[in-house]
Amino acid sequence: MDDLPETVKKCMKILDENVDFLSNLEQTLDDKNEDELVPDMQLHQLYDMTEDVAESSKMKRAESNFMRRKAEDSL
């Protein structure tokens, strides 16, 4: 049982070292799904889609930054 805190610290360190990689991997996988083209879209649909993508990107960045800060705080 005495090794548990040290093990948790090691796991947190590994997670902290890889949080950027994991975040980028998740974003890359999501971007591939968002990159699909839809033919015959109207201009207003493209405008709405652009706003949605920008908002989604900001939310993903904020979530990633939050998780990074949370990991740093727990060390």
N, C-alpha and C. Protein backbone atom coordinates (compact mmCIF):
# COMPACT_ATOMS: atom_id res chain seq x y z
N MET A 1 0.81 -1.19 0.00
CA MET A 1 0.00 0.00 0.00
C MET A 1 0.85 1.26 0.00
N ASP A 2 2.06 1.19 0.58
CA ASP A 2 2.92 2.37 0.62
C ASP A 2 3.36 2.80 -0.77
N ASP A 3 3.40 1.87 -1.71
CA ASP A 3 3.83 2.18 -3.07
C ASP A 3 2.74 2.87 -3.87
N LEU A 4 1.51 2.84 -3.41
CA LEU A 4 0.41 3.41 -4.17
C LEU A 4 0.61 4.88 -4.49
N PRO A 5 0.91 5.74 -3.55
CA PRO A 5 1.09 7.15 -3.90
C PRO A 5 2.21 7.36 -4.94
N GLU A 6 3.29 6.63 -4.81
CA GLU A 6 4.38 6.75 -5.77
C GLU A 6 3.93 6.28 -7.16
N THR A 7 3.16 5.20 -7.20
CA THR A 7 2.63 4.69 -8.47
C THR A 7 1.70 5.70 -9.11
N VAL A 8 0.86 6.31 -8.31
CA VAL A 8 -0.06 7.32 -8.82
C VAL A 8 0.73 8.51 -9.36
N LYS A 9 1.77 8.92 -8.65
CA LYS A 9 2.61 10.03 -9.12
C LYS A 9 3.26 9.70 -10.46
N LYS A 10 3.73 8.45 -10.60
CA LYS A 10 4.35 8.05 -11.86
C LYS A 10 3.33 8.06 -13.00
N CYS A 11 2.13 7.58 -12.72
CA CYS A 11 1.07 7.58 -13.73
C CYS A 11 0.70 9.00 -14.13
N MET A 12 0.61 9.90 -13.16
CA MET A 12 0.29 11.30 -13.45
C MET A 12 1.40 11.95 -14.28
N LYS A 13 2.64 11.59 -13.99
CA LYS A 13 3.77 12.14 -14.75
C LYS A 13 3.71 11.66 -16.20
N ILE A 14 3.42 10.38 -16.38
CA ILE A 14 3.30 9.83 -17.74
C ILE A 14 2.16 10.51 -18.49
N LEU A 15 1.04 10.67 -17.82
CA LEU A 15 -0.11 11.34 -18.44
C LEU A 15 0.24 12.77 -18.79
N ASP A 16 0.89 13.48 -17.89
CA ASP A 16 1.27 14.87 -18.13
C ASP A 16 2.21 14.98 -19.33
N GLU A 17 3.14 14.04 -19.44
CA GLU A 17 4.10 14.06 -20.54
C GLU A 17 3.43 13.78 -21.88
N ASN A 18 2.28 13.10 -21.85
CA ASN A 18 1.62 12.69 -23.09
C ASN A 18 0.31 13.41 -23.37
N VAL A 19 -0.09 14.34 -22.51
CA VAL A 19 -1.38 14.99 -22.68
C VAL A 19 -1.44 15.77 -24.00
N ASP A 20 -0.37 16.43 -24.39
CA ASP A 20 -0.37 17.16 -25.65
C ASP A 20 -0.50 16.21 -26.83
N PHE A 21 0.23 15.11 -26.79
CA PHE A 21 0.16 14.12 -27.87
C PHE A 21 -1.25 13.55 -27.99
N LEU A 22 -1.84 13.18 -26.84
CA LEU A 22 -3.19 12.61 -26.86
C LEU A 22 -4.22 13.63 -27.35
N SER A 23 -4.06 14.86 -26.93
CA SER A 23 -4.97 15.92 -27.37
C SER A 23 -4.86 16.14 -28.87
N ASN A 24 -3.63 16.20 -29.37
CA ASN A 24 -3.41 16.38 -30.81
C ASN A 24 -3.94 15.20 -31.60
N LEU A 25 -3.77 13.99 -31.08
CA LEU A 25 -4.28 12.80 -31.76
C LEU A 25 -5.79 12.85 -31.85
N GLU A 26 -6.44 13.20 -30.74
CA GLU A 26 -7.90 13.30 -30.73
C GLU A 26 -8.36 14.36 -31.72
N GLN A 27 -7.68 15.50 -31.74
CA GLN A 27 -8.05 16.58 -32.65
C GLN A 27 -7.86 16.17 -34.10
N THR A 28 -6.79 15.44 -34.39
CA THR A 28 -6.53 14.98 -35.75
C THR A 28 -7.63 14.02 -36.21
N LEU A 29 -8.02 13.10 -35.33
CA LEU A 29 -9.07 12.16 -35.68
C LEU A 29 -10.41 12.88 -35.90
N ASP A 30 -10.71 13.84 -35.06
CA ASP A 30 -11.94 14.62 -35.22
C ASP A 30 -11.89 15.45 -36.50
N ASP A 31 -10.73 16.02 -36.80
CA ASP A 31 -10.59 16.85 -38.00
C ASP A 31 -10.84 16.03 -39.27
N LYS A 32 -10.41 14.78 -39.27
CA LYS A 32 -10.63 13.94 -40.44
C LYS A 32 -12.12 13.78 -40.70
N ASN A 33 -12.90 13.62 -39.64
CA ASN A 33 -14.34 13.49 -39.79
C ASN A 33 -14.98 14.79 -40.26
N GLU A 34 -14.43 15.92 -39.82
CA GLU A 34 -14.98 17.22 -40.18
C GLU A 34 -14.57 17.66 -41.58
N ASP A 35 -13.57 17.02 -42.16
CA ASP A 35 -13.06 17.44 -43.46
C ASP A 35 -13.85 16.88 -44.64
N GLU A 36 -14.88 16.10 -44.37
CA GLU A 36 -15.67 15.53 -45.46
C GLU A 36 -16.45 16.64 -46.15
N LEU A 37 -16.40 16.64 -47.47
CA LEU A 37 -17.10 17.66 -48.25
C LEU A 37 -18.52 17.21 -48.56
N VAL A 38 -19.42 18.17 -48.51
CA VAL A 38 -20.81 17.91 -48.85
C VAL A 38 -21.11 18.71 -50.11
N PRO A 39 -21.48 18.04 -51.20
CA PRO A 39 -21.71 18.77 -52.44
C PRO A 39 -22.99 19.61 -52.40
N ASP A 40 -23.03 20.62 -53.24
CA ASP A 40 -24.22 21.44 -53.46
C ASP A 40 -24.73 22.15 -52.20
N MET A 41 -23.81 22.70 -51.42
CA MET A 41 -24.22 23.47 -50.25
C MET A 41 -24.49 24.91 -50.64
N GLN A 42 -25.46 25.50 -49.99
CA GLN A 42 -25.78 26.90 -50.22
C GLN A 42 -24.80 27.76 -49.42
N LEU A 43 -24.68 29.02 -49.81
CA LEU A 43 -23.74 29.93 -49.16
C LEU A 43 -24.05 30.07 -47.67
N HIS A 44 -25.32 30.19 -47.30
CA HIS A 44 -25.66 30.35 -45.88
C HIS A 44 -25.33 29.09 -45.09
N GLN A 45 -25.40 27.91 -45.73
CA GLN A 45 -25.03 26.66 -45.05
C GLN A 45 -23.52 26.62 -44.80
N LEU A 46 -22.75 27.09 -45.78
CA LEU A 46 -21.30 27.15 -45.61
C LEU A 46 -20.92 28.12 -44.50
N TYR A 47 -21.60 29.25 -44.44
CA TYR A 47 -21.34 30.25 -43.40
C TYR A 47 -21.63 29.66 -42.02
N ASP A 48 -22.79 29.00 -41.88
CA ASP A 48 -23.16 28.37 -40.61
C ASP A 48 -22.15 27.29 -40.22
N MET A 49 -21.72 26.51 -41.19
CA MET A 49 -20.77 25.45 -40.93
C MET A 49 -19.43 26.04 -40.47
N THR A 50 -19.01 27.12 -41.09
CA THR A 50 -17.76 27.78 -40.71
C THR A 50 -17.82 28.26 -39.27
N GLU A 51 -18.93 28.85 -38.88
CA GLU A 51 -19.09 29.29 -37.49
C GLU A 51 -19.06 28.10 -36.53
N ASP A 52 -19.71 27.01 -36.91
CA ASP A 52 -19.73 25.81 -36.05
C ASP A 52 -18.33 25.24 -35.87
N VAL A 53 -17.57 25.19 -36.95
CA VAL A 53 -16.20 24.64 -36.88
C VAL A 53 -15.31 25.53 -36.01
N ALA A 54 -15.45 26.83 -36.16
CA ALA A 54 -14.65 27.76 -35.35
C ALA A 54 -15.00 27.61 -33.87
N GLU A 55 -16.28 27.52 -33.57
CA GLU A 55 -16.71 27.36 -32.18
C GLU A 55 -16.23 26.02 -31.61
N SER A 56 -16.34 24.96 -32.41
CA SER A 56 -15.89 23.64 -31.97
C SER A 56 -14.40 23.64 -31.69
N SER A 57 -13.63 24.30 -32.55
CA SER A 57 -12.18 24.37 -32.37
C SER A 57 -11.83 25.10 -31.09
N LYS A 58 -12.52 26.20 -30.81
CA LYS A 58 -12.27 26.95 -29.58
C LYS A 58 -12.61 26.11 -28.35
N MET A 59 -13.69 25.36 -28.43
CA MET A 59 -14.10 24.51 -27.31
C MET A 59 -13.08 23.40 -27.07
N LYS A 60 -12.59 22.78 -28.15
CA LYS A 60 -11.59 21.72 -28.02
C LYS A 60 -10.30 22.26 -27.41
N ARG A 61 -9.90 23.45 -27.85
CA ARG A 61 -8.68 24.06 -27.32
C ARG A 61 -8.84 24.37 -25.84
N ALA A 62 -10.01 24.91 -25.46
CA ALA A 62 -10.27 25.22 -24.06
C ALA A 62 -10.29 23.95 -23.21
N GLU A 63 -10.89 22.91 -23.73
CA GLU A 63 -10.94 21.63 -23.01
C GLU A 63 -9.54 21.06 -22.83
N SER A 64 -8.74 21.13 -23.88
CA SER A 64 -7.36 20.63 -23.81
C SER A 64 -6.55 21.42 -22.78
N ASN A 65 -6.69 22.74 -22.79
CA ASN A 65 -5.97 23.58 -21.83
C ASN A 65 -6.43 23.29 -20.41
N PHE A 66 -7.71 23.08 -20.23
CA PHE A 66 -8.25 22.75 -18.91
C PHE A 66 -7.67 21.44 -18.40
N MET A 67 -7.64 20.41 -19.24
CA MET A 67 -7.12 19.11 -18.84
C MET A 67 -5.63 19.20 -18.52
N ARG A 68 -4.89 20.00 -19.28
CA ARG A 68 -3.46 20.17 -19.02
C ARG A 68 -3.25 20.83 -17.65
N ARG A 69 -4.03 21.89 -17.37
CA ARG A 69 -3.91 22.57 -16.08
C ARG A 69 -4.31 21.64 -14.94
N LYS A 70 -5.33 20.84 -15.15
CA LYS A 70 -5.79 19.91 -14.12
C LYS A 70 -4.70 18.87 -13.82
N ALA A 71 -4.05 18.38 -14.88
CA ALA A 71 -2.97 17.41 -14.69
C ALA A 71 -1.79 18.03 -13.96
N GLU A 72 -1.48 19.28 -14.30
CA GLU A 72 -0.37 19.97 -13.63
C GLU A 72 -0.68 20.22 -12.16
N ASP A 73 -1.92 20.57 -11.85
CA ASP A 73 -2.32 20.83 -10.47
C ASP A 73 -2.28 19.59 -9.61
N SER A 74 -2.52 18.43 -10.18
CA SER A 74 -2.56 17.21 -9.38
C SER A 74 -1.18 16.63 -9.12
N LEU A 75 -0.16 17.21 -9.76
CA LEU A 75 1.21 16.75 -9.46
C LEU A 75 1.68 17.52 -8.30
